[in-house]
Protein backbone atom coordinates (compact mmCIF):
# COMPACT_ATOMS: atom_id res chain seq x y z
CA MET A 1 -21.14 -9.75 -2.85
CA ARG A 2 -19.39 -10.38 0.55
CA ASP A 3 -16.07 -9.65 -0.97
CA ILE A 4 -17.26 -6.33 -2.45
CA ILE A 5 -18.72 -5.39 1.34
CA PHE A 6 -15.41 -6.47 2.83
CA PHE A 7 -13.30 -4.43 0.16
CA THR A 8 -15.25 -1.50 0.78
CA VAL A 9 -15.04 -1.64 4.62
CA SER A 10 -11.39 -2.68 4.55
CA LEU A 11 -10.12 0.13 2.24
CA LEU A 12 -12.29 3.02 4.41
CA PHE A 13 -10.89 1.73 7.43
CA ALA A 14 -7.34 2.08 5.81
CA PHE A 15 -8.35 5.79 5.00
CA MET A 16 -9.43 6.37 8.23
CA LEU A 17 -6.23 5.04 9.48
CA MET A 18 -4.37 7.21 7.12
CA VAL A 19 -6.08 10.44 8.20
CA TRP A 20 -6.20 9.42 11.96
CA MET A 21 -2.61 8.76 12.70
CA PRO A 22 -0.90 12.07 13.70
CA GLN A 23 1.28 13.36 10.92
CA ALA A 24 4.83 12.98 12.90
CA ALA A 25 3.83 9.21 13.97
CA SER A 26 2.61 8.52 10.68
CA THR A 27 5.91 8.71 8.54
CA ILE A 28 7.90 6.88 11.63
CA TYR A 29 5.50 4.19 12.71
CA SER A 30 2.65 3.89 10.66
CA PRO A 31 2.67 1.76 7.25
CA PRO A 32 0.93 2.77 4.22
CA TRP A 33 -2.31 1.60 5.23
CA VAL A 34 -3.94 2.16 1.84
CA PHE A 35 -1.01 0.81 -0.23
CA LEU A 36 -1.38 -2.63 2.23
CA VAL A 37 -5.14 -3.07 1.85
CA LEU A 38 -5.18 -2.70 -1.79
CA SER A 39 -2.00 -5.02 -2.29
CA TYR A 40 -3.97 -7.70 -0.10
CA TRP A 41 -7.02 -7.17 -2.50
CA VAL A 42 -5.12 -7.27 -5.71
CA ILE A 43 -3.44 -10.59 -4.57
CA LYS A 44 -6.92 -11.95 -3.35
CA LYS A 45 -9.16 -11.07 -6.29
CA PRO A 46 -7.06 -9.92 -9.35
CA GLY A 47 -9.87 -9.91 -11.55
CA HIS A 48 -11.97 -7.71 -9.34
CA VAL A 49 -9.61 -5.19 -7.85
CA GLY A 50 -7.64 -3.93 -10.86
CA LEU A 51 -5.52 -1.22 -11.57
CA SER A 52 -8.17 0.97 -12.34
CA ILE A 53 -9.74 0.73 -8.76
CA VAL A 54 -5.54 1.11 -7.34
CA PHE A 55 -5.73 4.40 -9.47
CA PHE A 56 -8.89 5.77 -8.29
CA ALA A 57 -8.64 5.07 -4.87
CA SER A 58 -4.67 6.65 -4.85
CA LEU A 59 -6.39 9.72 -6.65
CA LEU A 60 -8.81 9.89 -3.59
CA MET A 61 -5.69 9.39 -1.13
CA ASP A 62 -3.98 12.19 -2.97
CA MET A 63 -7.14 14.48 -2.48
CA MET A 64 -7.36 13.53 0.92
CA THR A 65 -3.69 14.26 1.95
CA GLY A 66 -3.30 17.10 -0.17
CA ALA A 67 -0.60 15.73 -2.02
CA LEU A 68 0.04 16.63 -5.80
CA LEU A 69 -2.82 14.66 -7.79
CA GLY A 70 -1.52 11.66 -9.26
CA VAL A 71 1.44 11.44 -7.00
CA HIS A 72 0.17 8.51 -5.25
CA ALA A 73 -1.53 7.18 -8.51
CA ILE A 74 2.11 6.82 -9.96
CA ALA A 75 3.68 5.27 -7.22
CA MET A 76 0.83 2.63 -6.53
CA ILE A 77 0.34 1.61 -10.19
CA VAL A 78 3.98 0.44 -10.33
CA PRO A 79 4.20 -2.22 -7.47
CA MET A 80 0.48 -3.24 -8.05
CA SER A 81 1.46 -4.07 -11.70
CA VAL A 82 3.92 -6.33 -10.15
CA LEU A 83 1.74 -8.01 -8.08
CA LEU A 84 -0.44 -8.81 -10.75
CA ILE A 85 2.50 -10.06 -12.93
CA VAL A 86 4.36 -12.22 -9.91
CA ARG A 87 0.94 -13.62 -8.23
CA PRO A 88 2.52 -13.62 -4.55
CA ALA A 89 0.03 -15.75 -3.23
CA ARG A 90 1.97 -18.84 -4.75
CA LEU A 91 5.03 -17.74 -2.96
CA ASN A 92 5.98 -18.87 0.53
CA ALA A 93 5.69 -16.71 3.48
CA LEU A 94 9.38 -15.45 3.52
CA TYR A 95 9.37 -14.55 -0.24
CA GLN A 96 6.16 -13.04 0.45
CA LEU A 97 7.33 -10.71 3.01
CA LEU A 98 10.49 -10.09 1.08
CA LEU A 99 8.44 -8.95 -1.92
CA MET A 100 6.19 -6.58 0.11
CA PHE A 101 9.28 -5.06 1.54
CA VAL A 102 10.50 -4.37 -1.77
CA LEU A 103 7.20 -2.97 -3.07
CA VAL A 104 6.51 -0.82 -0.40
CA LEU A 105 10.13 0.69 -0.69
CA VAL A 106 9.75 1.25 -4.18
CA TYR A 107 6.34 2.90 -3.65
CA GLN A 108 8.08 5.13 -0.95
CA MET A 109 10.91 6.06 -3.09
CA ILE A 110 8.82 7.08 -6.32
CA VAL A 111 6.66 9.30 -3.70
CA ALA A 112 10.04 10.92 -2.31
CA CYS A 113 11.30 11.18 -5.92
CA VAL A 114 8.42 13.04 -6.81
CA HIS A 115 8.16 15.42 -3.77
CA GLY A 116 11.93 15.87 -4.33
CA PHE A 117 11.42 17.31 -7.94
CA MET A 118 8.72 19.56 -6.35
CA GLY A 119 11.37 21.15 -4.17
CA ALA A 120 10.23 19.61 -1.17
CA SER A 121 12.66 19.18 1.64
CA PRO A 122 14.42 15.87 1.63
CA VAL A 123 12.80 12.96 3.91
CA SER A 124 14.72 11.72 6.93
CA TYR A 125 15.98 8.15 7.76
CA GLN A 126 12.67 8.14 9.74
CA TYR A 127 10.73 7.81 6.22
CA TRP A 128 12.40 4.45 5.42
CA LEU A 129 11.28 2.91 8.81
CA SER A 130 7.54 2.51 7.07
CA PRO A 131 8.45 -0.74 4.96
CA VAL A 132 9.48 -2.30 8.17
CA SER A 133 6.47 -1.51 9.92
CA ALA A 134 4.53 -2.47 6.43
CA VAL A 135 6.20 -5.88 6.55
CA ILE A 136 5.37 -6.46 10.60
CA VAL A 137 1.69 -5.60 9.38
CA TRP A 138 1.73 -7.92 6.46
CA ALA A 139 3.06 -10.63 8.70
CA VAL A 140 0.56 -10.30 11.30
CA MET A 141 -2.50 -9.43 9.08
CA VAL A 142 -2.29 -11.86 6.08
CA LEU A 143 -0.06 -14.72 6.35
CA PRO A 144 -1.94 -16.54 9.05
CA PHE A 145 -4.99 -16.31 6.54
CA LYS A 146 -2.47 -17.78 3.64
CA GLY A 147 -3.66 -20.98 3.33
CA SER A 148 -7.33 -20.05 3.57
CA HIS A 149 -9.11 -19.89 0.27
CA GLY A 150 -12.32 -17.56 0.09
């Protein structure tokens, strides 16, 4: 029960950060908050937070951002499937950071490709700084608790 409350609160907080960050700063400095929170819970509780919850949370993300319905759903399902297969909780810290960097990069590449197919203008180089900030957030928020079980 406690994990359900923590999951709900952390996901709501991630949605608030996603909406609260100014649009210009969100592409440069802000990591994909919802992606990171869902990644954490998929790693921590893979039997409880699976692809269906990720799918519906990302559809909510599409509705909140005004994106084409399903863009973030497609972009999140691919990396989350990798998380379910690889089980990064067993990896050491450096490999886990590298894996998260690659998964955030894949997520952003899928979103950029879909927007490109829709005719949106190409993304700037600043868009690709977000995986770096995501890895920094992951290192600060998750790795100190890596040894704890709960």
